[in-house]
Amino acid sequence: MPVQSFKVNGQNVDVEAPDDLALLWVLRDKLGITGPKYGCGINVCKACTCHVDGKAVTTCSVRVSDVRGRQVTTIEGLANGNTLHPVQQAWMNLDVPQCGFCQPGQIMAAVDLLRRTRTPTDADIDAIENVCRCGTYGRIREAIKAAAAMMG
């Protein structure tokens, strides 16, 4: 079986896995990183959103071989030690989660959005398209705007 080598949350990893195995399953089943969630497996719900080299990707639709030599960041690697990322802090301050299942993907997508623009419009936020079955979209929108203000 091939060995896949890449970084996860700043740590080098070597994992035996078939080239075509979804990154989501490598993270969850082989590395025990459970932040990215399985929701659909077809790049629709985006509950599995993480970053590869700083950009949001849905790990259910990315093959592990596609991240060889690259940096993968999950929700577990977003904080800086005990200091939450501003998006995580805004989520906490505004009590965004209801059931919480989609929140890691929502947060990772929001971080990616704020990397691209520090003054997101409602249309920018709506374009994220991560699914929240509890319907917390209003709180998500406000948290993204609050995080943008924190980030200056």
N, C-alpha and C. Protein backbone atom coordinates (compact mmCIF):
# COMPACT_ATOMS: atom_id res chain seq x y z
N MET A 1 0.85 -1.18 0.00
CA MET A 1 0.00 0.00 0.00
C MET A 1 0.89 1.24 0.00
N PRO A 2 0.53 2.27 -0.79
CA PRO A 2 1.35 3.48 -0.85
C PRO A 2 1.36 4.23 0.49
N VAL A 3 2.46 4.93 0.72
CA VAL A 3 2.57 5.80 1.89
C VAL A 3 2.32 7.22 1.43
N GLN A 4 1.39 7.87 2.08
CA GLN A 4 1.05 9.25 1.77
C GLN A 4 1.71 10.15 2.82
N SER A 5 2.51 11.11 2.38
CA SER A 5 3.22 12.01 3.29
C SER A 5 2.75 13.43 3.07
N PHE A 6 2.32 14.07 4.15
CA PHE A 6 1.88 15.46 4.10
C PHE A 6 1.90 16.00 5.53
N LYS A 7 1.51 17.25 5.71
CA LYS A 7 1.43 17.84 7.05
C LYS A 7 -0.03 18.02 7.43
N VAL A 8 -0.32 17.74 8.68
CA VAL A 8 -1.65 18.01 9.23
C VAL A 8 -1.46 18.86 10.47
N ASN A 9 -2.05 20.03 10.46
CA ASN A 9 -1.98 20.94 11.61
C ASN A 9 -0.54 21.15 12.05
N GLY A 10 0.36 21.29 11.06
CA GLY A 10 1.76 21.59 11.32
C GLY A 10 2.65 20.39 11.60
N GLN A 11 2.07 19.19 11.68
CA GLN A 11 2.84 17.99 11.97
C GLN A 11 2.99 17.13 10.72
N ASN A 12 4.21 16.64 10.47
CA ASN A 12 4.41 15.72 9.36
C ASN A 12 3.73 14.40 9.67
N VAL A 13 3.05 13.85 8.68
CA VAL A 13 2.43 12.54 8.84
C VAL A 13 2.77 11.67 7.64
N ASP A 14 2.88 10.39 7.89
CA ASP A 14 3.05 9.36 6.86
C ASP A 14 1.96 8.33 7.12
N VAL A 15 1.11 8.12 6.13
CA VAL A 15 -0.04 7.25 6.30
C VAL A 15 -0.08 6.25 5.16
N GLU A 16 -0.26 4.98 5.49
CA GLU A 16 -0.49 3.98 4.46
C GLU A 16 -1.95 4.06 4.05
N ALA A 17 -2.15 4.38 2.77
CA ALA A 17 -3.52 4.52 2.26
C ALA A 17 -3.50 4.47 0.74
N PRO A 18 -4.54 3.91 0.14
CA PRO A 18 -4.62 3.92 -1.32
C PRO A 18 -4.68 5.36 -1.84
N ASP A 19 -4.11 5.58 -3.00
CA ASP A 19 -4.07 6.92 -3.58
C ASP A 19 -5.45 7.55 -3.72
N ASP A 20 -6.48 6.73 -4.00
CA ASP A 20 -7.80 7.28 -4.28
C ASP A 20 -8.70 7.38 -3.05
N LEU A 21 -8.17 7.11 -1.86
CA LEU A 21 -8.97 7.22 -0.64
C LEU A 21 -9.23 8.70 -0.35
N ALA A 22 -10.47 9.03 -0.02
CA ALA A 22 -10.81 10.41 0.29
C ALA A 22 -10.02 10.88 1.51
N LEU A 23 -9.53 12.10 1.44
CA LEU A 23 -8.78 12.69 2.55
C LEU A 23 -9.59 12.65 3.84
N LEU A 24 -10.90 12.81 3.75
CA LEU A 24 -11.75 12.76 4.94
C LEU A 24 -11.53 11.47 5.72
N TRP A 25 -11.47 10.34 5.02
CA TRP A 25 -11.33 9.05 5.72
C TRP A 25 -9.92 8.87 6.27
N VAL A 26 -8.94 9.43 5.62
CA VAL A 26 -7.58 9.38 6.17
C VAL A 26 -7.53 10.18 7.47
N LEU A 27 -8.10 11.39 7.44
CA LEU A 27 -8.10 12.22 8.65
C LEU A 27 -8.85 11.54 9.79
N ARG A 28 -10.05 11.07 9.52
CA ARG A 28 -10.90 10.52 10.57
C ARG A 28 -10.47 9.12 11.01
N ASP A 29 -10.33 8.21 10.04
CA ASP A 29 -10.12 6.80 10.39
C ASP A 29 -8.67 6.43 10.63
N LYS A 30 -7.76 7.06 9.93
CA LYS A 30 -6.35 6.68 10.07
C LYS A 30 -5.61 7.58 11.06
N LEU A 31 -6.01 8.86 11.15
CA LEU A 31 -5.31 9.80 12.02
C LEU A 31 -6.11 10.17 13.27
N GLY A 32 -7.38 9.78 13.33
CA GLY A 32 -8.19 10.06 14.52
C GLY A 32 -8.58 11.52 14.68
N ILE A 33 -8.58 12.27 13.60
CA ILE A 33 -8.95 13.68 13.63
C ILE A 33 -10.43 13.77 13.25
N THR A 34 -11.27 14.08 14.22
CA THR A 34 -12.72 13.96 14.01
C THR A 34 -13.45 15.29 13.79
N GLY A 35 -12.73 16.39 13.70
CA GLY A 35 -13.38 17.68 13.42
C GLY A 35 -14.12 17.68 12.10
N PRO A 36 -13.46 17.29 11.01
CA PRO A 36 -14.18 17.23 9.73
C PRO A 36 -15.23 16.11 9.79
N LYS A 37 -16.45 16.45 9.44
CA LYS A 37 -17.57 15.50 9.55
C LYS A 37 -17.96 14.93 8.20
N TYR A 38 -18.46 13.69 8.23
CA TYR A 38 -19.06 13.09 7.05
C TYR A 38 -20.53 13.45 7.04
N GLY A 39 -20.94 14.16 6.00
CA GLY A 39 -22.34 14.52 5.89
C GLY A 39 -22.99 13.96 4.64
N CYS A 40 -22.25 14.00 3.53
CA CYS A 40 -22.87 13.56 2.28
C CYS A 40 -21.93 12.72 1.41
N GLY A 41 -20.66 13.01 1.43
CA GLY A 41 -19.70 12.29 0.62
C GLY A 41 -19.67 12.69 -0.85
N ILE A 42 -20.43 13.72 -1.22
CA ILE A 42 -20.50 14.12 -2.63
C ILE A 42 -20.31 15.63 -2.82
N ASN A 43 -19.61 16.28 -1.89
CA ASN A 43 -19.27 17.70 -2.03
C ASN A 43 -20.50 18.61 -2.08
N VAL A 44 -21.52 18.28 -1.30
CA VAL A 44 -22.71 19.11 -1.28
C VAL A 44 -22.86 19.83 0.07
N CYS A 45 -22.80 19.09 1.17
CA CYS A 45 -23.08 19.70 2.47
C CYS A 45 -21.91 20.50 3.02
N LYS A 46 -20.69 20.08 2.70
CA LYS A 46 -19.46 20.76 3.08
C LYS A 46 -19.14 20.67 4.58
N ALA A 47 -19.71 19.70 5.27
CA ALA A 47 -19.42 19.49 6.69
C ALA A 47 -17.97 19.06 6.91
N CYS A 48 -17.32 18.60 5.86
CA CYS A 48 -15.95 18.09 5.95
C CYS A 48 -14.90 19.14 5.58
N THR A 49 -15.31 20.39 5.43
CA THR A 49 -14.39 21.43 4.96
C THR A 49 -13.18 21.58 5.86
N CYS A 50 -12.01 21.56 5.24
CA CYS A 50 -10.72 21.83 5.87
C CYS A 50 -9.96 22.74 4.91
N HIS A 51 -8.72 23.03 5.25
CA HIS A 51 -7.88 23.83 4.36
C HIS A 51 -6.73 22.98 3.84
N VAL A 52 -6.41 23.16 2.58
CA VAL A 52 -5.19 22.61 2.00
C VAL A 52 -4.40 23.80 1.49
N ASP A 53 -3.21 23.97 2.06
CA ASP A 53 -2.38 25.13 1.74
C ASP A 53 -3.15 26.44 1.90
N GLY A 54 -3.99 26.49 2.95
CA GLY A 54 -4.69 27.72 3.29
C GLY A 54 -6.01 27.96 2.59
N LYS A 55 -6.40 27.07 1.69
CA LYS A 55 -7.65 27.26 0.95
C LYS A 55 -8.65 26.18 1.32
N ALA A 56 -9.93 26.56 1.42
CA ALA A 56 -10.98 25.63 1.80
C ALA A 56 -11.17 24.56 0.73
N VAL A 57 -11.27 23.32 1.18
CA VAL A 57 -11.59 22.18 0.32
C VAL A 57 -12.55 21.27 1.07
N THR A 58 -13.33 20.53 0.32
CA THR A 58 -14.17 19.51 0.94
C THR A 58 -13.40 18.20 0.89
N THR A 59 -13.05 17.71 2.06
CA THR A 59 -12.16 16.54 2.14
C THR A 59 -12.81 15.25 1.66
N CYS A 60 -14.14 15.24 1.52
CA CYS A 60 -14.79 14.05 0.97
C CYS A 60 -14.54 13.92 -0.52
N SER A 61 -14.14 15.03 -1.16
CA SER A 61 -13.97 15.02 -2.62
C SER A 61 -12.50 15.20 -3.04
N VAL A 62 -11.59 15.17 -2.08
CA VAL A 62 -10.16 15.30 -2.38
C VAL A 62 -9.50 13.97 -2.06
N ARG A 63 -8.76 13.44 -3.01
CA ARG A 63 -8.03 12.19 -2.79
C ARG A 63 -6.79 12.47 -1.94
N VAL A 64 -6.44 11.54 -1.09
CA VAL A 64 -5.27 11.73 -0.24
C VAL A 64 -4.01 11.94 -1.08
N SER A 65 -3.92 11.31 -2.22
CA SER A 65 -2.73 11.49 -3.06
C SER A 65 -2.60 12.93 -3.56
N ASP A 66 -3.70 13.67 -3.59
CA ASP A 66 -3.67 15.06 -4.04
C ASP A 66 -3.06 16.01 -3.01
N VAL A 67 -2.85 15.54 -1.77
CA VAL A 67 -2.29 16.42 -0.74
C VAL A 67 -0.86 16.03 -0.37
N ARG A 68 -0.26 15.13 -1.10
CA ARG A 68 1.14 14.77 -0.83
C ARG A 68 2.00 16.02 -0.82
N GLY A 69 2.79 16.15 0.25
CA GLY A 69 3.71 17.27 0.35
C GLY A 69 3.05 18.60 0.66
N ARG A 70 1.78 18.59 0.96
CA ARG A 70 1.03 19.84 1.21
C ARG A 70 0.65 19.95 2.68
N GLN A 71 0.13 21.12 3.04
CA GLN A 71 -0.28 21.40 4.42
C GLN A 71 -1.80 21.33 4.52
N VAL A 72 -2.29 20.44 5.38
CA VAL A 72 -3.72 20.30 5.65
C VAL A 72 -3.98 20.89 7.03
N THR A 73 -4.99 21.73 7.13
CA THR A 73 -5.39 22.29 8.43
C THR A 73 -6.84 21.93 8.68
N THR A 74 -7.08 21.34 9.83
CA THR A 74 -8.44 21.01 10.26
C THR A 74 -8.84 21.99 11.37
N ILE A 75 -10.07 21.91 11.80
CA ILE A 75 -10.54 22.77 12.89
C ILE A 75 -9.66 22.61 14.12
N GLU A 76 -9.10 21.42 14.31
CA GLU A 76 -8.25 21.17 15.48
C GLU A 76 -6.95 21.98 15.43
N GLY A 77 -6.53 22.39 14.24
CA GLY A 77 -5.29 23.14 14.10
C GLY A 77 -5.46 24.62 13.90
N LEU A 78 -6.68 25.11 14.04
CA LEU A 78 -6.96 26.52 13.75
C LEU A 78 -6.51 27.46 14.85
N ALA A 79 -6.72 27.09 16.10
CA ALA A 79 -6.33 27.95 17.22
C ALA A 79 -4.82 28.04 17.31
N ASN A 80 -4.36 29.09 17.94
CA ASN A 80 -2.93 29.27 18.20
C ASN A 80 -2.71 28.98 19.68
N GLY A 81 -2.41 27.72 19.98
CA GLY A 81 -2.30 27.32 21.40
C GLY A 81 -3.66 27.41 22.05
N ASN A 82 -3.73 28.17 23.13
CA ASN A 82 -5.00 28.36 23.84
C ASN A 82 -5.81 29.54 23.32
N THR A 83 -5.26 30.23 22.32
CA THR A 83 -5.95 31.40 21.77
C THR A 83 -6.74 30.98 20.54
N LEU A 84 -8.06 31.12 20.64
CA LEU A 84 -8.91 30.77 19.51
C LEU A 84 -8.67 31.71 18.34
N HIS A 85 -8.88 31.19 17.14
CA HIS A 85 -8.90 32.03 15.95
C HIS A 85 -10.08 33.00 16.10
N PRO A 86 -9.99 34.23 15.59
CA PRO A 86 -11.10 35.17 15.72
C PRO A 86 -12.45 34.62 15.26
N VAL A 87 -12.47 33.77 14.24
CA VAL A 87 -13.74 33.18 13.79
C VAL A 87 -14.27 32.25 14.88
N GLN A 88 -13.42 31.43 15.46
CA GLN A 88 -13.85 30.55 16.55
C GLN A 88 -14.38 31.37 17.72
N GLN A 89 -13.68 32.46 18.06
CA GLN A 89 -14.09 33.31 19.17
C GLN A 89 -15.44 33.95 18.89
N ALA A 90 -15.63 34.42 17.67
CA ALA A 90 -16.92 35.03 17.31
C ALA A 90 -18.04 34.00 17.41
N TRP A 91 -17.76 32.76 16.99
CA TRP A 91 -18.76 31.69 17.09
C TRP A 91 -19.18 31.50 18.55
N MET A 92 -18.19 31.51 19.43
CA MET A 92 -18.47 31.33 20.87
C MET A 92 -19.24 32.54 21.41
N ASN A 93 -18.78 33.73 21.08
CA ASN A 93 -19.39 34.96 21.60
C ASN A 93 -20.85 35.07 21.20
N LEU A 94 -21.18 34.61 20.00
CA LEU A 94 -22.54 34.77 19.48
C LEU A 94 -23.38 33.49 19.57
N ASP A 95 -22.88 32.49 20.28
CA ASP A 95 -23.62 31.23 20.47
C ASP A 95 -24.16 30.68 19.15
N VAL A 96 -23.29 30.57 18.16
CA VAL A 96 -23.71 30.14 16.83
C VAL A 96 -24.21 28.69 16.81
N PRO A 97 -23.47 27.74 17.40
CA PRO A 97 -23.88 26.34 17.21
C PRO A 97 -25.22 26.01 17.86
N GLN A 98 -25.94 25.15 17.21
CA GLN A 98 -27.12 24.54 17.81
C GLN A 98 -26.76 23.08 18.04
N CYS A 99 -26.86 22.23 17.05
CA CYS A 99 -26.41 20.85 17.25
C CYS A 99 -24.89 20.75 17.14
N GLY A 100 -24.28 21.61 16.33
CA GLY A 100 -22.83 21.68 16.22
C GLY A 100 -22.21 20.82 15.13
N PHE A 101 -22.98 19.94 14.52
CA PHE A 101 -22.40 19.00 13.55
C PHE A 101 -21.68 19.70 12.40
N CYS A 102 -22.28 20.71 11.84
CA CYS A 102 -21.71 21.38 10.67
C CYS A 102 -20.69 22.45 11.02
N GLN A 103 -20.58 22.79 12.28
CA GLN A 103 -19.81 23.97 12.66
C GLN A 103 -18.33 23.93 12.31
N PRO A 104 -17.61 22.80 12.43
CA PRO A 104 -16.21 22.82 12.00
C PRO A 104 -16.07 23.22 10.53
N GLY A 105 -16.90 22.67 9.67
CA GLY A 105 -16.86 23.03 8.26
C GLY A 105 -17.26 24.48 8.02
N GLN A 106 -18.27 24.93 8.75
CA GLN A 106 -18.70 26.33 8.63
C GLN A 106 -17.56 27.28 9.01
N ILE A 107 -16.90 26.98 10.12
CA ILE A 107 -15.81 27.83 10.60
C ILE A 107 -14.66 27.83 9.61
N MET A 108 -14.29 26.67 9.11
CA MET A 108 -13.17 26.61 8.16
C MET A 108 -13.51 27.37 6.87
N ALA A 109 -14.75 27.29 6.42
CA ALA A 109 -15.16 28.04 5.24
C ALA A 109 -15.14 29.54 5.52
N ALA A 110 -15.55 29.94 6.72
CA ALA A 110 -15.54 31.36 7.08
C ALA A 110 -14.11 31.90 7.17
N VAL A 111 -13.20 31.11 7.71
CA VAL A 111 -11.79 31.53 7.77
C VAL A 111 -11.25 31.74 6.36
N ASP A 112 -11.59 30.82 5.46
CA ASP A 112 -11.15 30.96 4.07
C ASP A 112 -11.73 32.23 3.44
N LEU A 113 -13.00 32.50 3.68
CA LEU A 113 -13.62 33.71 3.16
C LEU A 113 -12.89 34.95 3.67
N LEU A 114 -12.61 34.99 4.97
CA LEU A 114 -11.96 36.17 5.55
C LEU A 114 -10.49 36.28 5.14
N ARG A 115 -9.90 35.19 4.68
CA ARG A 115 -8.56 35.26 4.11
C ARG A 115 -8.62 36.01 2.78
N ARG A 116 -9.72 35.83 2.06
CA ARG A 116 -9.88 36.45 0.74
C ARG A 116 -10.41 37.88 0.82
N THR A 117 -11.24 38.17 1.80
CA THR A 117 -11.78 39.52 1.96
C THR A 117 -12.05 39.79 3.43
N ARG A 118 -11.59 40.92 3.92
CA ARG A 118 -11.81 41.28 5.32
C ARG A 118 -13.11 42.05 5.52
N THR A 119 -13.79 42.36 4.44
CA THR A 119 -15.07 43.07 4.52
C THR A 119 -16.11 42.32 3.69
N PRO A 120 -16.50 41.13 4.15
CA PRO A 120 -17.43 40.33 3.34
C PRO A 120 -18.83 40.93 3.30
N THR A 121 -19.42 40.86 2.14
CA THR A 121 -20.81 41.28 1.98
C THR A 121 -21.72 40.10 2.32
N ASP A 122 -23.00 40.36 2.43
CA ASP A 122 -23.95 39.26 2.64
C ASP A 122 -23.86 38.26 1.48
N ALA A 123 -23.66 38.76 0.26
CA ALA A 123 -23.53 37.86 -0.90
C ALA A 123 -22.28 36.99 -0.78
N ASP A 124 -21.18 37.56 -0.29
CA ASP A 124 -19.96 36.78 -0.07
C ASP A 124 -20.22 35.66 0.93
N ILE A 125 -20.91 35.99 2.00
CA ILE A 125 -21.20 35.00 3.05
C ILE A 125 -22.15 33.93 2.51
N ASP A 126 -23.17 34.34 1.77
CA ASP A 126 -24.11 33.39 1.19
C ASP A 126 -23.43 32.43 0.22
N ALA A 127 -22.37 32.88 -0.42
CA ALA A 127 -21.66 32.06 -1.41
C ALA A 127 -20.91 30.89 -0.76
N ILE A 128 -20.76 30.90 0.55
CA ILE A 128 -20.07 29.81 1.23
C ILE A 128 -20.80 28.49 0.98
N GLU A 129 -22.11 28.46 1.05
CA GLU A 129 -22.96 27.31 0.72
C GLU A 129 -22.82 26.09 1.62
N ASN A 130 -22.16 26.21 2.78
CA ASN A 130 -22.16 25.09 3.72
C ASN A 130 -23.57 24.92 4.27
N VAL A 131 -24.00 23.68 4.41
CA VAL A 131 -25.36 23.40 4.88
C VAL A 131 -25.40 23.33 6.40
N CYS A 132 -26.38 24.02 6.98
CA CYS A 132 -26.65 23.92 8.42
C CYS A 132 -28.10 23.47 8.54
N ARG A 133 -28.28 22.23 8.92
CA ARG A 133 -29.64 21.69 8.99
C ARG A 133 -30.46 22.30 10.14
N CYS A 134 -29.79 22.92 11.09
CA CYS A 134 -30.50 23.59 12.19
C CYS A 134 -30.92 25.01 11.80
N GLY A 135 -30.38 25.51 10.70
CA GLY A 135 -30.79 26.83 10.21
C GLY A 135 -30.21 28.00 10.99
N THR A 136 -28.96 27.88 11.45
CA THR A 136 -28.35 28.98 12.22
C THR A 136 -27.69 30.02 11.32
N TYR A 137 -28.14 30.14 10.11
CA TYR A 137 -27.49 31.02 9.13
C TYR A 137 -27.42 32.48 9.59
N GLY A 138 -28.43 32.96 10.27
CA GLY A 138 -28.40 34.34 10.77
C GLY A 138 -27.25 34.55 11.75
N ARG A 139 -27.07 33.61 12.67
CA ARG A 139 -25.98 33.72 13.65
C ARG A 139 -24.63 33.52 12.97
N ILE A 140 -24.58 32.64 11.98
CA ILE A 140 -23.33 32.43 11.23
C ILE A 140 -22.92 33.73 10.54
N ARG A 141 -23.87 34.39 9.89
CA ARG A 141 -23.60 35.66 9.19
C ARG A 141 -23.05 36.69 10.17
N GLU A 142 -23.70 36.82 11.33
CA GLU A 142 -23.26 37.81 12.32
C GLU A 142 -21.88 37.46 12.88
N ALA A 143 -21.61 36.18 13.07
CA ALA A 143 -20.30 35.77 13.59
C ALA A 143 -19.20 36.07 12.58
N ILE A 144 -19.46 35.84 11.31
CA ILE A 144 -18.46 36.13 10.29
C ILE A 144 -18.17 37.63 10.27
N LYS A 145 -19.19 38.45 10.36
CA LYS A 145 -18.99 39.90 10.38
C LYS A 145 -18.25 40.33 11.65
N ALA A 146 -18.57 39.70 12.78
CA ALA A 146 -17.88 40.02 14.04
C ALA A 146 -16.41 39.62 13.96
N ALA A 147 -16.14 38.46 13.38
CA ALA A 147 -14.75 38.01 13.23
C ALA A 147 -13.98 38.96 12.32
N ALA A 148 -14.62 39.40 11.25
CA ALA A 148 -13.97 40.33 10.33
C ALA A 148 -13.59 41.61 11.08
N ALA A 149 -14.49 42.09 11.94
CA ALA A 149 -14.19 43.30 12.73
C ALA A 149 -13.03 43.04 13.69
N MET A 150 -13.00 41.86 14.32
CA MET A 150 -11.90 41.52 15.23
C MET A 150 -10.56 41.47 14.50
N MET A 151 -10.62 41.01 13.25
CA MET A 151 -9.39 40.84 12.48
C MET A 151 -8.91 42.16 11.88
N GLY A 152 -9.77 43.18 11.94
CA GLY A 152 -9.40 44.52 11.48
C GLY A 152 -9.19 44.57 10.02
